[in-house]
Amino acid sequence: MTVPLSSTREIARLLSERNSFLLTTHVNPDGDGLGCEYGLYHVLRRLGKKVRVVNAASLPENYAFLDGDIFETYDGAAHDAWIMSADVVLILDTNEIDRIGDLGKIVRESGAVNVIIDHHPHPTAIADVYFIDDQASSTGELVFSILRELIGQDFGYEAALGLYTAIMTDTGSFRFPRSTPRVHRIAADLLEHGVDPARVYEAVYESFPLRRAKLLGLMLRDIASIADDRVTVAIITRDMFNEAGAEEEDVDDMVNYGLAIGGVKMTILLVEHSKGVRMSFRSRGDIPVNELAARFGGGGHRNAAGAFVSDTALDEIRTRLKEELEDFIAVHLDGERDG
């Protein structure tokens, strides 16, 4: 649906004029959402604002370098009164209120101005103010523009670290199609504030616990290929989590391994959670996996999308996926090859 979009200047003015802010992002937070929270937190605090970062889930271990003390895990008894009194709620890197988890209810009830800052398409009418560009590489790119309008050139190291983390992770370390010249110029600007790119990359991608390696091994052991090896499908079950001693946060970014196999055009990862099944989709070129995700109530970008199907057994999702893939492959992969 169409929503009225605000300008960089309008968002910067709102941040300047209001005094207390709640920052939050989607469940299973990633580097883009967390990095934006971190960058905004430090700039707003420097401006004398009252700021809290509250998410539905705890901070993943590989993002602990972002000074984990500022990240709070939502607890109604500890946070509801403060949220009700906040001037502004900044919802980052998602435009669906259901994706901020249990915070959604109290955010709806609060009298705060709800602001969406996001780069995903098809926003839902859940907020008062929107700053959305679905052509941007990341939400971090958008927050950079807002902060440049708000404070000028001097971001400071902490804010630069957060925004570099946001942009680096959501561009796949600057290898995804939207890693434009502008994005590289932004990254250069942030590095000039003292950010060490090697340290950020190592922390995010090269310091995961042994349990994650074991879980990845179990996933890759059983990965399947279909459609003449152009599509891969991987599954992580609760039994696999238990065998590896892994946590749900350990799955982050595993979907991309299925796309790294030569000749693969599309990959799907199904993860069995206690309350349903999380589906992740990735593709190359013009294959619109967000359309496939939409068939399961999800969405996202053309080449990266997801869905969460609650209260549904894994076997049922596998059956539905098989049926949906037959049609999708015929249209978007077989049609591509025939053309």
C-alpha atoms as a PDB file:
ATOM      1  CA  MET A   1       0.000   0.000   0.000  1.00  0.00           C
ATOM      2  CA  THR A   2       1.057   3.622  -0.444  1.00  0.00           C
ATOM      3  CA  VAL A   3       2.084   5.629   2.618  1.00  0.00           C
ATOM      4  CA  PRO A   4       3.171   9.281   2.782  1.00  0.00           C
ATOM      5  CA  LEU A   5       6.949   9.500   3.035  1.00  0.00           C
ATOM      6  CA  SER A   6       8.866  12.108   4.990  1.00  0.00           C
ATOM      7  CA  SER A   7      12.077  13.810   3.890  1.00  0.00           C
ATOM      8  CA  THR A   8      15.503  13.612   5.483  1.00  0.00           C
ATOM      9  CA  ARG A   9      15.040  17.159   6.749  1.00  0.00           C
ATOM     10  CA  GLU A  10      11.660  16.365   8.350  1.00  0.00           C
ATOM     11  CA  ILE A  11      13.043  13.328  10.198  1.00  0.00           C
ATOM     12  CA  ALA A  12      16.089  15.289  11.358  1.00  0.00           C
ATOM     13  CA  ARG A  13      13.812  18.058  12.658  1.00  0.00           C
ATOM     14  CA  LEU A  14      11.741  15.522  14.593  1.00  0.00           C
ATOM     15  CA  LEU A  15      14.874  14.086  16.192  1.00  0.00           C
ATOM     16  CA  SER A  16      16.040  17.574  17.094  1.00  0.00           C
ATOM     17  CA  GLU A  17      12.751  18.772  18.593  1.00  0.00           C
ATOM     18  CA  ARG A  18      11.727  15.714  20.669  1.00  0.00           C
ATOM     19  CA  ASN A  19      13.409  14.647  23.890  1.00  0.00           C
ATOM     20  CA  SER A  20      12.869  10.935  24.634  1.00  0.00           C
ATOM     21  CA  PHE A  21      13.286   8.060  22.210  1.00  0.00           C
ATOM     22  CA  LEU A  22      12.752   4.317  22.113  1.00  0.00           C
ATOM     23  CA  LEU A  23      14.820   2.536  19.447  1.00  0.00           C
ATOM     24  CA  THR A  24      13.801  -0.959  18.335  1.00  0.00           C
ATOM     25  CA  THR A  25      14.207  -3.353  15.429  1.00  0.00           C
ATOM     26  CA  HIS A  26      12.836  -6.654  14.192  1.00  0.00           C
ATOM     27  CA  VAL A  27      12.959 -10.023  15.933  1.00  0.00           C
ATOM     28  CA  ASN A  28      16.136 -12.000  15.216  1.00  0.00           C
ATOM     29  CA  PRO A  29      17.995  -8.694  14.871  1.00  0.00           C
ATOM     30  CA  ASP A  30      20.769  -8.422  12.295  1.00  0.00           C
ATOM     31  CA  GLY A  31      23.685  -6.094  11.740  1.00  0.00           C
ATOM     32  CA  ASP A  32      21.626  -3.512   9.878  1.00  0.00           C
ATOM     33  CA  GLY A  33      19.010  -3.032  12.595  1.00  0.00           C
ATOM     34  CA  LEU A  34      21.492  -3.278  15.461  1.00  0.00           C
ATOM     35  CA  GLY A  35      24.035  -0.993  13.811  1.00  0.00           C
ATOM     36  CA  CYS A  36      21.384   1.655  13.162  1.00  0.00           C
ATOM     37  CA  GLU A  37      20.230   1.477  16.772  1.00  0.00           C
ATOM     38  CA  TYR A  38      23.803   1.864  17.964  1.00  0.00           C
ATOM     39  CA  GLY A  39      24.560   4.810  15.709  1.00  0.00           C
ATOM     40  CA  LEU A  40      21.342   6.658  16.530  1.00  0.00           C
ATOM     41  CA  TYR A  41      21.708   5.978  20.251  1.00  0.00           C
ATOM     42  CA  HIS A  42      25.117   7.628  20.445  1.00  0.00           C
ATOM     43  CA  VAL A  43      24.178  10.658  18.363  1.00  0.00           C
ATOM     44  CA  LEU A  44      20.943  11.268  20.260  1.00  0.00           C
ATOM     45  CA  ARG A  45      22.688  10.882  23.608  1.00  0.00           C
ATOM     46  CA  ARG A  46      25.329  13.361  22.490  1.00  0.00           C
ATOM     47  CA  LEU A  47      22.473  15.800  21.778  1.00  0.00           C
ATOM     48  CA  GLY A  48      21.239  15.400  25.349  1.00  0.00           C
ATOM     49  CA  LYS A  49      18.252  13.184  24.567  1.00  0.00           C
ATOM     50  CA  LYS A  50      16.848  10.376  26.687  1.00  0.00           C
ATOM     51  CA  VAL A  51      17.294   7.159  24.711  1.00  0.00           C
ATOM     52  CA  ARG A  52      16.746   3.446  25.303  1.00  0.00           C
ATOM     53  CA  VAL A  53      17.356   0.563  22.897  1.00  0.00           C
ATOM     54  CA  VAL A  54      14.867  -2.232  23.550  1.00  0.00           C
ATOM     55  CA  ASN A  55      14.491  -5.295  21.317  1.00  0.00           C
ATOM     56  CA  ALA A  56      12.375  -8.417  21.454  1.00  0.00           C
ATOM     57  CA  ALA A  57      15.502 -10.587  21.423  1.00  0.00           C
ATOM     58  CA  SER A  58      18.859 -10.367  23.136  1.00  0.00           C
ATOM     59  CA  LEU A  59      21.990  -9.156  21.383  1.00  0.00           C
ATOM     60  CA  PRO A  60      23.616 -11.936  19.299  1.00  0.00           C
ATOM     61  CA  GLU A  61      27.084 -12.848  20.529  1.00  0.00           C
ATOM     62  CA  ASN A  62      28.852 -11.771  17.341  1.00  0.00           C
ATOM     63  CA  TYR A  63      27.579  -8.206  17.819  1.00  0.00           C
ATOM     64  CA  ALA A  64      28.810  -7.855  21.394  1.00  0.00           C
ATOM     65  CA  PHE A  65      31.548  -5.506  20.131  1.00  0.00           C
ATOM     66  CA  LEU A  66      28.779  -2.892  19.827  1.00  0.00           C
ATOM     67  CA  ASP A  67      28.929  -2.233  23.578  1.00  0.00           C
ATOM     68  CA  GLY A  68      26.192  -4.688  24.506  1.00  0.00           C
ATOM     69  CA  ASP A  69      25.266  -2.796  27.687  1.00  0.00           C
ATOM     70  CA  ILE A  70      23.028  -0.393  25.760  1.00  0.00           C
ATOM     71  CA  PHE A  71      20.887  -3.186  24.279  1.00  0.00           C
ATOM     72  CA  GLU A  72      17.958  -4.208  26.478  1.00  0.00           C
ATOM     73  CA  THR A  73      15.713  -7.240  26.003  1.00  0.00           C
ATOM     74  CA  TYR A  74      12.048  -6.358  26.307  1.00  0.00           C
ATOM     75  CA  ASP A  75      10.317  -7.079  29.592  1.00  0.00           C
ATOM     76  CA  GLY A  76       6.908  -5.547  30.122  1.00  0.00           C
ATOM     77  CA  ALA A  77       7.401  -4.886  33.827  1.00  0.00           C
ATOM     78  CA  ALA A  78      10.685  -3.112  33.193  1.00  0.00           C
ATOM     79  CA  HIS A  79       9.858  -1.218  30.012  1.00  0.00           C
ATOM     80  CA  ASP A  80       6.136  -0.571  29.511  1.00  0.00           C
ATOM     81  CA  ALA A  81       5.886   2.537  31.672  1.00  0.00           C
ATOM     82  CA  TRP A  82       8.930   4.088  30.015  1.00  0.00           C
ATOM     83  CA  ILE A  83       7.655   3.277  26.524  1.00  0.00           C
ATOM     84  CA  MET A  84       4.292   4.844  27.350  1.00  0.00           C
ATOM     85  CA  SER A  85       6.072   8.064  28.314  1.00  0.00           C
ATOM     86  CA  ALA A  86       8.449   8.244  25.326  1.00  0.00           C
ATOM     87  CA  ASP A  87       8.054  11.031  22.758  1.00  0.00           C
ATOM     88  CA  VAL A  88       9.160   8.983  19.752  1.00  0.00           C
ATOM     89  CA  VAL A  89       9.481   5.299  18.872  1.00  0.00           C
ATOM     90  CA  LEU A  90      11.965   4.660  16.052  1.00  0.00           C
ATOM     91  CA  ILE A  91      11.277   1.302  14.375  1.00  0.00           C
ATOM     92  CA  LEU A  92      14.323   0.389  12.320  1.00  0.00           C
ATOM     93  CA  ASP A  93      14.826  -2.033   9.436  1.00  0.00           C
ATOM     94  CA  THR A  94      11.245  -3.302   9.284  1.00  0.00           C
ATOM     95  CA  ASN A  95       7.902  -1.826   8.304  1.00  0.00           C
ATOM     96  CA  GLU A  96       5.720  -4.483   9.937  1.00  0.00           C
ATOM     97  CA  ILE A  97       4.697  -3.979  13.568  1.00  0.00           C
ATOM     98  CA  ASP A  98       4.374  -7.726  14.094  1.00  0.00           C
ATOM     99  CA  ARG A  99       8.086  -8.073  13.396  1.00  0.00           C
ATOM    100  CA  ILE A 100       9.097  -6.192  16.548  1.00  0.00           C
ATOM    101  CA  GLY A 101       7.663  -9.003  18.644  1.00  0.00           C
ATOM    102  CA  ASP A 102       5.941  -8.436  21.962  1.00  0.00           C
ATOM    103  CA  LEU A 103       6.814  -4.725  21.886  1.00  0.00           C
ATOM    104  CA  GLY A 104       4.186  -4.270  19.184  1.00  0.00           C
ATOM    105  CA  LYS A 105       1.261  -4.142  21.609  1.00  0.00           C
ATOM    106  CA  ILE A 106       2.678  -1.480  23.922  1.00  0.00           C
ATOM    107  CA  VAL A 107       4.015   0.556  20.985  1.00  0.00           C
ATOM    108  CA  ARG A 108       0.508   0.640  19.520  1.00  0.00           C
ATOM    109  CA  GLU A 109      -0.906   1.789  22.863  1.00  0.00           C
ATOM    110  CA  SER A 110       1.684   4.479  23.534  1.00  0.00           C
ATOM    111  CA  GLY A 111       1.120   8.083  22.650  1.00  0.00           C
ATOM    112  CA  ALA A 112       4.547   8.322  21.070  1.00  0.00           C
ATOM    113  CA  VAL A 113       5.122   9.345  17.468  1.00  0.00           C
ATOM    114  CA  ASN A 114       5.886   6.061  15.710  1.00  0.00           C
ATOM    115  CA  VAL A 115       8.545   6.442  13.021  1.00  0.00           C
ATOM    116  CA  ILE A 116       9.491   3.785  10.458  1.00  0.00           C
ATOM    117  CA  ILE A 117      12.997   4.004   8.943  1.00  0.00           C
ATOM    118  CA  ASP A 118      13.443   1.128   6.526  1.00  0.00           C
ATOM    119  CA  HIS A 119      14.547  -0.046   3.090  1.00  0.00           C
ATOM    120  CA  HIS A 120      12.077  -2.883   2.504  1.00  0.00           C
ATOM    121  CA  PRO A 121       9.208  -2.559  -0.001  1.00  0.00           C
ATOM    122  CA  HIS A 122       5.459  -2.631   0.617  1.00  0.00           C
ATOM    123  CA  PRO A 123       5.187  -0.736   3.935  1.00  0.00           C
ATOM    124  CA  THR A 124       2.126  -1.339   6.050  1.00  0.00           C
ATOM    125  CA  ALA A 125       0.098   1.461   7.629  1.00  0.00           C
ATOM    126  CA  ILE A 126       1.363   1.089  11.178  1.00  0.00           C
ATOM    127  CA  ALA A 127       3.185   4.347  11.893  1.00  0.00           C
ATOM    128  CA  ASP A 128       2.776   8.110  11.974  1.00  0.00           C
ATOM    129  CA  VAL A 129       5.945   8.942  10.040  1.00  0.00           C
ATOM    130  CA  TYR A 130       7.775   6.993   7.343  1.00  0.00           C
ATOM    131  CA  PHE A 131      11.262   7.347   5.915  1.00  0.00           C
ATOM    132  CA  ILE A 132      11.535   4.500   3.402  1.00  0.00           C
ATOM    133  CA  ASP A 133      13.628   3.914   0.296  1.00  0.00           C
ATOM    134  CA  ASP A 134      13.411   0.371  -1.038  1.00  0.00           C
ATOM    135  CA  GLN A 135      16.232   1.101  -3.465  1.00  0.00           C
ATOM    136  CA  ALA A 136      18.714   1.768  -0.656  1.00  0.00           C
ATOM    137  CA  SER A 137      21.355  -0.807   0.183  1.00  0.00           C
ATOM    138  CA  SER A 138      20.437  -0.855   3.848  1.00  0.00           C
ATOM    139  CA  THR A 139      18.646   1.017   6.576  1.00  0.00           C
ATOM    140  CA  GLY A 140      22.120   2.131   7.621  1.00  0.00           C
ATOM    141  CA  GLU A 141      22.420   4.113   4.391  1.00  0.00           C
ATOM    142  CA  LEU A 142      19.192   5.956   5.243  1.00  0.00           C
ATOM    143  CA  VAL A 143      20.206   6.656   8.837  1.00  0.00           C
ATOM    144  CA  PHE A 144      23.505   8.038   7.560  1.00  0.00           C
ATOM    145  CA  SER A 145      21.580  10.591   5.468  1.00  0.00           C
ATOM    146  CA  ILE A 146      19.396  11.541   8.438  1.00  0.00           C
ATOM    147  CA  LEU A 147      22.351  12.001  10.775  1.00  0.00           C
ATOM    148  CA  ARG A 148      24.282  13.989   8.181  1.00  0.00           C
ATOM    149  CA  GLU A 149      21.297  16.366   8.036  1.00  0.00           C
ATOM    150  CA  LEU A 150      21.038  16.415  11.839  1.00  0.00           C
ATOM    151  CA  ILE A 151      24.649  16.897  12.940  1.00  0.00           C
ATOM    152  CA  GLY A 152      26.746  17.454   9.825  1.00  0.00           C
ATOM    153  CA  GLN A 153      30.106  15.747   9.303  1.00  0.00           C
ATOM    154  CA  ASP A 154      31.175  14.834  12.837  1.00  0.00           C
ATOM    155  CA  PHE A 155      29.505  11.502  13.559  1.00  0.00           C
ATOM    156  CA  GLY A 156      31.997  10.412  16.183  1.00  0.00           C
ATOM    157  CA  TYR A 157      33.573   6.960  16.343  1.00  0.00           C
ATOM    158  CA  GLU A 158      30.713   5.087  18.026  1.00  0.00           C
ATOM    159  CA  ALA A 159      28.030   6.261  15.592  1.00  0.00           C
ATOM    160  CA  ALA A 160      30.336   5.564  12.652  1.00  0.00           C
ATOM    161  CA  LEU A 161      31.010   2.056  13.969  1.00  0.00           C
ATOM    162  CA  GLY A 162      27.296   1.315  14.174  1.00  0.00           C
ATOM    163  CA  LEU A 163      26.480   2.600  10.705  1.00  0.00           C
ATOM    164  CA  TYR A 164      29.474   0.890   9.100  1.00  0.00           C
ATOM    165  CA  THR A 165      28.330  -2.386  10.685  1.00  0.00           C
ATOM    166  CA  ALA A 166      24.814  -1.817   9.357  1.00  0.00           C
ATOM    167  CA  ILE A 167      25.923  -1.127   5.798  1.00  0.00           C
ATOM    168  CA  MET A 168      28.674  -3.745   5.669  1.00  0.00           C
ATOM    169  CA  THR A 169      26.405  -6.571   6.789  1.00  0.00           C
ATOM    170  CA  ASP A 170      23.387  -5.705   4.636  1.00  0.00           C
ATOM    171  CA  THR A 171      25.506  -5.328   1.505  1.00  0.00           C
ATOM    172  CA  GLY A 172      27.131  -8.727   2.100  1.00  0.00           C
ATOM    173  CA  SER A 173      30.475  -7.022   2.678  1.00  0.00           C
ATOM    174  CA  PHE A 174      29.845  -4.763  -0.338  1.00  0.00           C
ATOM    175  CA  ARG A 175      29.243  -7.583  -2.815  1.00  0.00           C
ATOM    176  CA  PHE A 176      25.467  -7.317  -3.312  1.00  0.00           C
ATOM    177  CA  PRO A 177      24.029  -5.423  -6.329  1.00  0.00           C
ATOM    178  CA  ARG A 178      23.123  -2.271  -4.384  1.00  0.00           C
ATOM    179  CA  SER A 179      26.706  -1.654  -3.289  1.00  0.00           C
ATOM    180  CA  THR A 180      26.703   1.536  -5.349  1.00  0.00           C
ATOM    181  CA  PRO A 181      29.439   4.173  -5.620  1.00  0.00           C
ATOM    182  CA  ARG A 182      27.447   6.226  -3.089  1.00  0.00           C
ATOM    183  CA  VAL A 183      27.524   3.326  -0.618  1.00  0.00           C
ATOM    184  CA  HIS A 184      31.301   3.044  -0.962  1.00  0.00           C
ATOM    185  CA  ARG A 185      31.675   6.779  -0.435  1.00  0.00           C
ATOM    186  CA  ILE A 186      29.588   6.530   2.735  1.00  0.00           C
ATOM    187  CA  ALA A 187      31.744   3.627   3.925  1.00  0.00           C
ATOM    188  CA  ALA A 188      34.885   5.663   3.274  1.00  0.00           C
ATOM    189  CA  ASP A 189      33.437   8.547   5.288  1.00  0.00           C
ATOM    190  CA  LEU A 190      32.726   6.219   8.223  1.00  0.00           C
ATOM    191  CA  LEU A 191      36.206   4.682   8.054  1.00  0.00           C
ATOM    192  CA  GLU A 192      37.680   8.164   8.350  1.00  0.00           C
ATOM    193  CA  HIS A 193      36.118   8.303  11.839  1.00  0.00           C
ATOM    194  CA  GLY A 194      38.449   5.499  12.923  1.00  0.00           C
ATOM    195  CA  VAL A 195      36.393   2.378  12.178  1.00  0.00           C
ATOM    196  CA  ASP A 196      38.571  -0.693  11.568  1.00  0.00           C
ATOM    197  CA  PRO A 197      36.895  -2.736   8.778  1.00  0.00           C
ATOM    198  CA  ALA A 198      38.943  -5.856   9.502  1.00  0.00           C
ATOM    199  CA  ARG A 199      37.886  -5.818  13.148  1.00  0.00           C
ATOM    200  CA  VAL A 200      34.202  -5.436  12.269  1.00  0.00           C
ATOM    201  CA  TYR A 201      34.299  -8.238   9.701  1.00  0.00           C
ATOM    202  CA  GLU A 202      36.155 -10.570  12.061  1.00  0.00           C
ATOM    203  CA  ALA A 203      33.718  -9.906  14.902  1.00  0.00           C
ATOM    204  CA  VAL A 204      30.620 -10.472  12.776  1.00  0.00           C
ATOM    205  CA  TYR A 205      31.715 -13.341  10.539  1.00  0.00           C
ATOM    206  CA  GLU A 206      34.802 -14.990  12.005  1.00  0.00           C
ATOM    207  CA  SER A 207      34.147 -15.339  15.716  1.00  0.00           C
ATOM    208  CA  PHE A 208      31.082 -17.555  15.967  1.00  0.00           C
ATOM    209  CA  PRO A 209      30.943 -20.300  18.625  1.00  0.00           C
ATOM    210  CA  LEU A 210      31.699 -23.964  17.950  1.00  0.00           C
ATOM    211  CA  ARG A 211      28.011 -24.839  18.302  1.00  0.00           C
ATOM    212  CA  ARG A 212      27.248 -22.768  15.207  1.00  0.00           C
ATOM    213  CA  ALA A 213      29.870 -24.634  13.194  1.00  0.00           C
ATOM    214  CA  LYS A 214      28.308 -27.930  14.265  1.00  0.00           C
ATOM    215  CA  LEU A 215      24.831 -26.735  13.300  1.00  0.00           C
ATOM    216  CA  LEU A 216      26.101 -25.524   9.920  1.00  0.00           C
ATOM    217  CA  GLY A 217      27.666 -28.933   9.323  1.00  0.00           C
ATOM    218  CA  LEU A 218      24.370 -30.671  10.032  1.00  0.00           C
ATOM    219  CA  MET A 219      22.539 -28.316   7.681  1.00  0.00           C
ATOM    220  CA  LEU A 220      25.013 -28.776   4.832  1.00  0.00           C
ATOM    221  CA  ARG A 221      25.062 -32.545   5.302  1.00  0.00           C
ATOM    222  CA  ASP A 222      21.438 -32.801   4.256  1.00  0.00           C
ATOM    223  CA  ILE A 223      21.103 -29.895   1.812  1.00  0.00           C
ATOM    224  CA  ALA A 224      19.107 -30.915  -1.265  1.00  0.00           C
ATOM    225  CA  SER A 225      19.175 -29.678  -4.855  1.00  0.00           C
ATOM    226  CA  ILE A 226      16.278 -29.614  -7.320  1.00  0.00           C
ATOM    227  CA  ALA A 227      15.459 -28.153 -10.731  1.00  0.00           C
ATOM    228  CA  ASP A 228      18.645 -29.483 -12.360  1.00  0.00           C
ATOM    229  CA  ASP A 229      20.745 -28.266  -9.425  1.00  0.00           C
ATOM    230  CA  ARG A 230      19.597 -24.665  -9.880  1.00  0.00           C
ATOM    231  CA  VAL A 231      17.722 -24.569  -6.551  1.00  0.00           C
ATOM    232  CA  THR A 232      18.885 -25.726  -3.140  1.00  0.00           C
ATOM    233  CA  VAL A 233      16.706 -26.364  -0.100  1.00  0.00           C
ATOM    234  CA  ALA A 234      18.132 -26.720   3.406  1.00  0.00           C
ATOM    235  CA  ILE A 235      16.355 -27.527   6.661  1.00  0.00           C
ATOM    236  CA  ILE A 236      17.294 -27.025  10.297  1.00  0.00           C
ATOM    237  CA  THR A 237      15.132 -28.989  12.703  1.00  0.00           C
ATOM    238  CA  ARG A 238      14.756 -28.767  16.468  1.00  0.00           C
ATOM    239  CA  ASP A 239      16.628 -32.066  16.703  1.00  0.00           C
ATOM    240  CA  MET A 240      19.555 -30.485  14.866  1.00  0.00           C
ATOM    241  CA  PHE A 241      19.568 -27.538  17.279  1.00  0.00           C
ATOM    242  CA  ASN A 242      19.642 -29.993  20.173  1.00  0.00           C
ATOM    243  CA  GLU A 243      22.372 -32.157  18.655  1.00  0.00           C
ATOM    244  CA  ALA A 244      24.625 -29.151  18.062  1.00  0.00           C
ATOM    245  CA  GLY A 245      23.716 -27.456  21.335  1.00  0.00           C
ATOM    246  CA  ALA A 246      22.914 -24.393  19.227  1.00  0.00           C
ATOM    247  CA  GLU A 247      20.664 -21.371  19.695  1.00  0.00           C
ATOM    248  CA  GLU A 248      18.229 -19.815  17.222  1.00  0.00           C
ATOM    249  CA  GLU A 249      20.536 -16.824  16.788  1.00  0.00           C
ATOM    250  CA  ASP A 250      23.226 -19.169  15.414  1.00  0.00           C
ATOM    251  CA  VAL A 251      21.271 -19.549  12.160  1.00  0.00           C
ATOM    252  CA  ASP A 252      21.968 -15.956  11.078  1.00  0.00           C
ATOM    253  CA  ASP A 253      23.349 -15.790   7.507  1.00  0.00           C
ATOM    254  CA  MET A 254      23.368 -19.588   7.003  1.00  0.00           C
ATOM    255  CA  VAL A 255      20.928 -19.302   4.096  1.00  0.00           C
ATOM    256  CA  ASN A 256      23.684 -17.821   1.941  1.00  0.00           C
ATOM    257  CA  TYR A 257      25.666 -21.079   1.957  1.00  0.00           C
ATOM    258  CA  GLY A 258      23.036 -22.650  -0.260  1.00  0.00           C
ATOM    259  CA  LEU A 259      23.486 -19.891  -2.837  1.00  0.00           C
ATOM    260  CA  ALA A 260      27.282 -20.200  -2.827  1.00  0.00           C
ATOM    261  CA  ILE A 261      27.173 -23.511  -4.705  1.00  0.00           C
ATOM    262  CA  GLY A 262      28.115 -23.237  -8.366  1.00  0.00           C
ATOM    263  CA  GLY A 263      25.167 -23.024 -10.729  1.00  0.00           C
ATOM    264  CA  VAL A 264      22.597 -22.339  -8.017  1.00  0.00           C
ATOM    265  CA  LYS A 265      20.145 -19.549  -8.829  1.00  0.00           C
ATOM    266  CA  MET A 266      17.937 -19.733  -5.727  1.00  0.00           C
ATOM    267  CA  THR A 267      18.124 -21.184  -2.242  1.00  0.00           C
ATOM    268  CA  ILE A 268      15.631 -21.689   0.577  1.00  0.00           C
ATOM    269  CA  LEU A 269      16.257 -22.384   4.246  1.00  0.00           C
ATOM    270  CA  LEU A 270      13.556 -23.717   6.568  1.00  0.00           C
ATOM    271  CA  VAL A 271      14.210 -23.398  10.295  1.00  0.00           C
ATOM    272  CA  GLU A 272      11.955 -25.160  12.771  1.00  0.00           C
ATOM    273  CA  HIS A 273      11.249 -22.932  15.767  1.00  0.00           C
ATOM    274  CA  SER A 274       9.200 -23.650  18.862  1.00  0.00           C
ATOM    275  CA  LYS A 275       6.317 -21.519  17.552  1.00  0.00           C
ATOM    276  CA  GLY A 276       6.483 -22.204  13.831  1.00  0.00           C
ATOM    277  CA  VAL A 277       8.814 -22.284  10.839  1.00  0.00           C
ATOM    278  CA  ARG A 278      11.050 -19.473   9.646  1.00  0.00           C
ATOM    279  CA  MET A 279      11.693 -19.389   5.909  1.00  0.00           C
ATOM    280  CA  SER A 280      14.593 -17.561   4.264  1.00  0.00           C
ATOM    281  CA  PHE A 281      14.900 -17.064   0.501  1.00  0.00           C
ATOM    282  CA  ARG A 282      17.863 -15.865  -1.574  1.00  0.00           C
ATOM    283  CA  SER A 283      18.329 -15.611  -5.343  1.00  0.00           C
ATOM    284  CA  ARG A 284      20.467 -14.229  -8.125  1.00  0.00           C
ATOM    285  CA  GLY A 285      19.549 -11.915 -10.981  1.00  0.00           C
ATOM    286  CA  ASP A 286      15.889 -11.281 -11.686  1.00  0.00           C
ATOM    287  CA  ILE A 287      14.393 -14.179  -9.720  1.00  0.00           C
ATOM    288  CA  PRO A 288      11.868 -12.460  -7.372  1.00  0.00           C
ATOM    289  CA  VAL A 289      11.993 -14.561  -4.212  1.00  0.00           C
ATOM    290  CA  ASN A 290       9.949 -11.899  -2.405  1.00  0.00           C
ATOM    291  CA  GLU A 291       7.002 -13.097  -4.505  1.00  0.00           C
ATOM    292  CA  LEU A 292       7.549 -16.640  -3.262  1.00  0.00           C
ATOM    293  CA  ALA A 293       7.891 -15.412   0.332  1.00  0.00           C
ATOM    294  CA  ALA A 294       4.603 -13.514  -0.059  1.00  0.00           C
ATOM    295  CA  ARG A 295       2.796 -16.813  -0.669  1.00  0.00           C
ATOM    296  CA  PHE A 296       3.716 -17.703   2.924  1.00  0.00           C
ATOM    297  CA  GLY A 297       2.769 -14.325   4.379  1.00  0.00           C
ATOM    298  CA  GLY A 298       6.250 -12.865   4.170  1.00  0.00           C
ATOM    299  CA  GLY A 299       8.106 -10.409   1.973  1.00  0.00           C
ATOM    300  CA  GLY A 300      11.372  -8.597   1.439  1.00  0.00           C
ATOM    301  CA  HIS A 301      13.583  -7.724  -1.501  1.00  0.00           C
ATOM    302  CA  ARG A 302      13.731  -9.319  -4.944  1.00  0.00           C
ATOM    303  CA  ASN A 303      16.866 -11.300  -4.068  1.00  0.00           C
ATOM    304  CA  ALA A 304      16.475 -11.628  -0.290  1.00  0.00           C
ATOM    305  CA  ALA A 305      13.212 -12.311   1.490  1.00  0.00           C
ATOM    306  CA  GLY A 306      11.718 -14.207   4.408  1.00  0.00           C
ATOM    307  CA  ALA A 307       8.568 -15.417   6.084  1.00  0.00           C
ATOM    308  CA  PHE A 308       7.506 -16.851   9.422  1.00  0.00           C
ATOM    309  CA  VAL A 309       4.624 -19.320   9.464  1.00  0.00           C
ATOM    310  CA  SER A 310       3.369 -19.703  13.035  1.00  0.00           C
ATOM    311  CA  ASP A 311       1.677 -22.687  14.617  1.00  0.00           C
ATOM    312  CA  THR A 312       2.416 -24.884  11.600  1.00  0.00           C
ATOM    313  CA  ALA A 313       4.389 -28.136  11.505  1.00  0.00           C
ATOM    314  CA  LEU A 314       7.584 -28.363   9.497  1.00  0.00           C
ATOM    315  CA  ASP A 315       6.258 -31.239   7.377  1.00  0.00           C
ATOM    316  CA  GLU A 316       3.239 -29.185   6.386  1.00  0.00           C
ATOM    317  CA  ILE A 317       5.459 -26.305   5.295  1.00  0.00           C
ATOM    318  CA  ARG A 318       7.649 -28.668   3.288  1.00  0.00           C
ATOM    319  CA  THR A 319       4.595 -29.984   1.449  1.00  0.00           C
ATOM    320  CA  ARG A 320       3.310 -26.487   0.722  1.00  0.00           C
ATOM    321  CA  LEU A 321       6.748 -25.358  -0.420  1.00  0.00           C
ATOM    322  CA  LYS A 322       7.050 -28.268  -2.845  1.00  0.00           C
ATOM    323  CA  GLU A 323       3.716 -27.342  -4.405  1.00  0.00           C
ATOM    324  CA  GLU A 324       4.530 -23.637  -4.644  1.00  0.00           C
ATOM    325  CA  LEU A 325       7.987 -24.291  -6.079  1.00  0.00           C
ATOM    326  CA  GLU A 326       6.649 -26.244  -9.033  1.00  0.00           C
ATOM    327  CA  ASP A 327       4.787 -23.204 -10.317  1.00  0.00           C
ATOM    328  CA  PHE A 328       7.465 -20.687  -9.291  1.00  0.00           C
ATOM    329  CA  ILE A 329      10.287 -22.598 -10.963  1.00  0.00           C
ATOM    330  CA  ALA A 330       8.275 -23.061 -14.144  1.00  0.00           C
ATOM    331  CA  VAL A 331       7.693 -19.308 -14.415  1.00  0.00           C
ATOM    332  CA  HIS A 332      10.910 -17.776 -13.115  1.00  0.00           C
ATOM    333  CA  LEU A 333      13.646 -20.357 -13.757  1.00  0.00           C
ATOM    334  CA  ASP A 334      12.452 -22.531 -16.616  1.00  0.00           C
ATOM    335  CA  GLY A 335      11.070 -19.453 -18.335  1.00  0.00           C
ATOM    336  CA  GLU A 336      14.404 -17.703 -17.886  1.00  0.00           C
ATOM    337  CA  ARG A 337      16.259 -20.647 -19.398  1.00  0.00           C
ATOM    338  CA  ASP A 338      13.833 -20.960 -22.299  1.00  0.00           C
ATOM    339  CA  GLY A 339      14.203 -17.275 -23.038  1.00  0.00           C
END
